[in-house]
N, C-alpha and C. Protein backbone atom coordinates (compact mmCIF):
# COMPACT_ATOMS: atom_id res chain seq x y z
N UNK A 1 -36.70 70.03 -26.46
CA UNK A 1 -36.45 69.09 -25.38
C UNK A 1 -35.12 69.40 -24.71
N UNK A 2 -35.12 69.38 -23.41
CA UNK A 2 -33.92 69.64 -22.64
C UNK A 2 -33.02 68.41 -22.67
N UNK A 3 -31.72 68.64 -22.84
CA UNK A 3 -30.76 67.53 -22.85
C UNK A 3 -30.79 66.83 -21.50
N UNK A 4 -30.91 65.52 -21.50
CA UNK A 4 -30.98 64.75 -20.27
C UNK A 4 -29.63 64.61 -19.57
N UNK A 5 -28.56 64.90 -20.27
CA UNK A 5 -27.23 64.72 -19.70
C UNK A 5 -26.49 66.06 -19.64
N UNK A 6 -26.51 66.73 -18.48
CA UNK A 6 -25.82 68.01 -18.38
C UNK A 6 -24.30 67.87 -18.50
N UNK A 7 -23.78 66.67 -18.20
CA UNK A 7 -22.36 66.40 -18.39
C UNK A 7 -22.26 65.35 -19.47
N UNK A 8 -21.67 65.75 -20.60
CA UNK A 8 -21.65 64.85 -21.75
C UNK A 8 -20.40 65.09 -22.57
N UNK A 9 -19.43 64.18 -22.45
CA UNK A 9 -18.17 64.27 -23.19
C UNK A 9 -17.89 62.92 -23.84
N UNK A 10 -17.28 62.93 -25.01
CA UNK A 10 -16.84 61.70 -25.67
C UNK A 10 -15.52 61.22 -25.09
N UNK A 11 -14.71 62.17 -24.64
CA UNK A 11 -13.44 61.86 -23.99
C UNK A 11 -13.22 62.90 -22.91
N UNK A 12 -12.29 62.65 -22.02
CA UNK A 12 -12.06 63.57 -20.91
C UNK A 12 -11.65 64.95 -21.43
N UNK A 13 -12.31 66.00 -20.95
CA UNK A 13 -11.93 67.35 -21.36
C UNK A 13 -10.64 67.77 -20.65
N UNK A 14 -10.01 68.84 -21.08
CA UNK A 14 -8.78 69.27 -20.42
C UNK A 14 -9.05 69.77 -18.99
N UNK A 15 -8.05 69.59 -18.13
CA UNK A 15 -8.16 70.14 -16.77
C UNK A 15 -8.40 71.64 -16.87
N UNK A 16 -9.21 72.16 -15.97
CA UNK A 16 -9.54 73.58 -15.98
C UNK A 16 -10.84 73.89 -16.71
N UNK A 17 -11.41 72.89 -17.41
CA UNK A 17 -12.69 73.09 -18.09
C UNK A 17 -13.74 73.48 -17.06
N UNK A 18 -14.53 74.50 -17.37
CA UNK A 18 -15.58 74.96 -16.48
C UNK A 18 -16.93 74.74 -17.15
N UNK A 19 -17.89 74.21 -16.37
CA UNK A 19 -19.24 74.00 -16.89
C UNK A 19 -20.25 74.61 -15.93
N UNK A 20 -21.44 74.88 -16.45
CA UNK A 20 -22.57 75.29 -15.61
C UNK A 20 -23.41 74.05 -15.38
N UNK A 21 -23.68 73.78 -14.11
CA UNK A 21 -24.41 72.59 -13.73
C UNK A 21 -25.74 73.02 -13.10
N UNK A 22 -26.37 72.16 -12.40
CA UNK A 22 -27.66 72.36 -11.74
C UNK A 22 -27.81 73.76 -11.14
N UNK A 23 -28.87 74.46 -11.53
CA UNK A 23 -29.19 75.81 -11.05
C UNK A 23 -28.06 76.80 -11.29
N UNK A 24 -27.31 76.61 -12.36
CA UNK A 24 -26.26 77.55 -12.73
C UNK A 24 -24.96 77.42 -11.96
N UNK A 25 -24.85 76.39 -11.13
CA UNK A 25 -23.64 76.21 -10.33
C UNK A 25 -22.44 75.97 -11.24
N UNK A 26 -21.35 76.68 -10.99
CA UNK A 26 -20.13 76.50 -11.77
C UNK A 26 -19.32 75.34 -11.20
N UNK A 27 -18.82 74.50 -12.08
CA UNK A 27 -17.94 73.40 -11.70
C UNK A 27 -16.70 73.47 -12.58
N UNK A 28 -15.53 73.36 -11.95
CA UNK A 28 -14.25 73.38 -12.67
C UNK A 28 -13.61 72.01 -12.54
N UNK A 29 -13.16 71.45 -13.67
CA UNK A 29 -12.51 70.14 -13.69
C UNK A 29 -11.11 70.25 -13.08
N UNK A 30 -10.88 69.48 -12.00
CA UNK A 30 -9.59 69.55 -11.31
C UNK A 30 -8.80 68.25 -11.34
N UNK A 31 -9.44 67.13 -11.70
CA UNK A 31 -8.71 65.86 -11.77
C UNK A 31 -9.43 64.89 -12.69
N UNK A 32 -8.65 64.03 -13.33
CA UNK A 32 -9.18 62.98 -14.20
C UNK A 32 -8.52 61.67 -13.78
N UNK A 33 -9.35 60.68 -13.44
CA UNK A 33 -8.84 59.38 -13.02
C UNK A 33 -9.26 58.35 -14.05
N UNK A 34 -8.30 57.71 -14.73
CA UNK A 34 -8.65 56.67 -15.70
C UNK A 34 -9.44 55.55 -15.02
N UNK A 35 -10.36 54.96 -15.76
CA UNK A 35 -11.24 53.94 -15.22
C UNK A 35 -11.55 52.92 -16.31
N UNK A 36 -11.46 51.64 -15.99
CA UNK A 36 -11.83 50.59 -16.93
C UNK A 36 -13.21 50.07 -16.54
N UNK A 37 -14.16 50.19 -17.46
CA UNK A 37 -15.52 49.76 -17.19
C UNK A 37 -15.61 48.24 -17.14
N UNK A 38 -16.70 47.72 -16.61
CA UNK A 38 -16.91 46.28 -16.51
C UNK A 38 -16.84 45.62 -17.88
N UNK A 39 -17.31 46.33 -18.92
CA UNK A 39 -17.29 45.76 -20.27
C UNK A 39 -15.91 45.86 -20.93
N UNK A 40 -14.91 46.38 -20.20
CA UNK A 40 -13.55 46.45 -20.71
C UNK A 40 -13.19 47.75 -21.41
N UNK A 41 -14.16 48.61 -21.66
CA UNK A 41 -13.86 49.89 -22.32
C UNK A 41 -13.22 50.87 -21.34
N UNK A 42 -12.34 51.69 -21.87
CA UNK A 42 -11.68 52.71 -21.06
C UNK A 42 -12.60 53.91 -20.90
N UNK A 43 -12.59 54.48 -19.71
CA UNK A 43 -13.40 55.67 -19.42
C UNK A 43 -12.61 56.51 -18.41
N UNK A 44 -13.29 57.42 -17.73
CA UNK A 44 -12.62 58.26 -16.74
C UNK A 44 -13.63 58.73 -15.71
N UNK A 45 -13.13 58.95 -14.50
CA UNK A 45 -13.91 59.60 -13.45
C UNK A 45 -13.40 61.04 -13.38
N UNK A 46 -14.31 61.98 -13.52
CA UNK A 46 -13.96 63.40 -13.51
C UNK A 46 -14.23 63.98 -12.13
N UNK A 47 -13.27 64.72 -11.60
CA UNK A 47 -13.45 65.38 -10.30
C UNK A 47 -13.62 66.87 -10.55
N UNK A 48 -14.72 67.41 -10.05
CA UNK A 48 -15.09 68.81 -10.24
C UNK A 48 -15.00 69.55 -8.91
N UNK A 49 -14.75 70.86 -8.99
CA UNK A 49 -14.69 71.69 -7.79
C UNK A 49 -15.53 72.95 -7.97
N UNK A 50 -16.28 73.31 -6.93
CA UNK A 50 -17.06 74.53 -6.96
C UNK A 50 -16.16 75.71 -6.59
N UNK A 51 -16.61 76.95 -6.84
CA UNK A 51 -15.80 78.11 -6.42
C UNK A 51 -15.54 78.14 -4.91
N UNK A 52 -16.40 77.48 -4.11
CA UNK A 52 -16.22 77.45 -2.66
C UNK A 52 -15.32 76.29 -2.20
N UNK A 53 -14.83 75.48 -3.15
CA UNK A 53 -13.89 74.42 -2.82
C UNK A 53 -14.50 73.05 -2.59
N UNK A 54 -15.81 72.90 -2.72
CA UNK A 54 -16.44 71.57 -2.57
C UNK A 54 -16.13 70.74 -3.81
N UNK A 55 -15.87 69.47 -3.62
CA UNK A 55 -15.54 68.58 -4.75
C UNK A 55 -16.62 67.53 -4.94
N UNK A 56 -16.81 67.15 -6.20
CA UNK A 56 -17.75 66.10 -6.56
C UNK A 56 -17.16 65.36 -7.75
N UNK A 57 -17.74 64.21 -8.07
CA UNK A 57 -17.25 63.41 -9.19
C UNK A 57 -18.38 63.09 -10.16
N UNK A 58 -17.97 62.77 -11.38
CA UNK A 58 -18.94 62.35 -12.40
C UNK A 58 -18.23 61.44 -13.39
N UNK A 59 -19.03 60.84 -14.24
CA UNK A 59 -18.48 60.11 -15.38
C UNK A 59 -18.39 61.06 -16.55
N UNK A 60 -18.07 60.52 -17.72
CA UNK A 60 -18.00 61.36 -18.93
C UNK A 60 -19.38 61.79 -19.40
N UNK A 61 -20.37 60.95 -19.15
CA UNK A 61 -21.74 61.26 -19.56
C UNK A 61 -22.66 60.88 -18.41
N UNK A 62 -23.31 61.87 -17.81
CA UNK A 62 -24.15 61.55 -16.66
C UNK A 62 -25.21 62.63 -16.42
N UNK A 63 -26.23 62.24 -15.70
CA UNK A 63 -27.31 63.16 -15.35
C UNK A 63 -27.01 63.91 -14.06
N UNK A 64 -26.15 63.38 -13.23
CA UNK A 64 -25.88 63.99 -11.93
C UNK A 64 -24.44 63.73 -11.51
N UNK A 65 -23.96 64.59 -10.62
CA UNK A 65 -22.64 64.39 -10.02
C UNK A 65 -22.83 63.72 -8.67
N UNK A 66 -21.76 63.19 -8.13
CA UNK A 66 -21.81 62.56 -6.81
C UNK A 66 -21.03 63.43 -5.83
N UNK A 67 -21.74 63.89 -4.81
CA UNK A 67 -21.10 64.67 -3.73
C UNK A 67 -20.70 63.70 -2.62
N UNK A 68 -19.56 63.91 -1.97
CA UNK A 68 -19.11 62.99 -0.92
C UNK A 68 -20.13 62.76 0.18
N UNK A 69 -20.87 63.80 0.56
CA UNK A 69 -21.84 63.66 1.65
C UNK A 69 -23.26 63.43 1.14
N UNK A 70 -23.43 63.30 -0.18
CA UNK A 70 -24.75 63.04 -0.76
C UNK A 70 -25.62 64.27 -0.93
N UNK A 71 -25.18 65.42 -0.44
CA UNK A 71 -25.97 66.65 -0.56
C UNK A 71 -25.67 67.35 -1.87
N UNK A 72 -26.59 68.19 -2.29
CA UNK A 72 -26.38 68.97 -3.52
C UNK A 72 -25.62 70.23 -3.22
């Protein structure tokens, strides 16, 4: 079975971490923004950058990233 969460961390990884995402796209972690969830637990919003300079965000555990313009 394929893992449903291509981005899956227990805590924020170090800046510079590189992952392979959808269709082999490389994403490099460039920023971490602390975030307090509605239930009061601490989390983080991760900002990723492609080799071409496009940025997207994700949580610590998610099925997809969010692109500013909604495109992949």
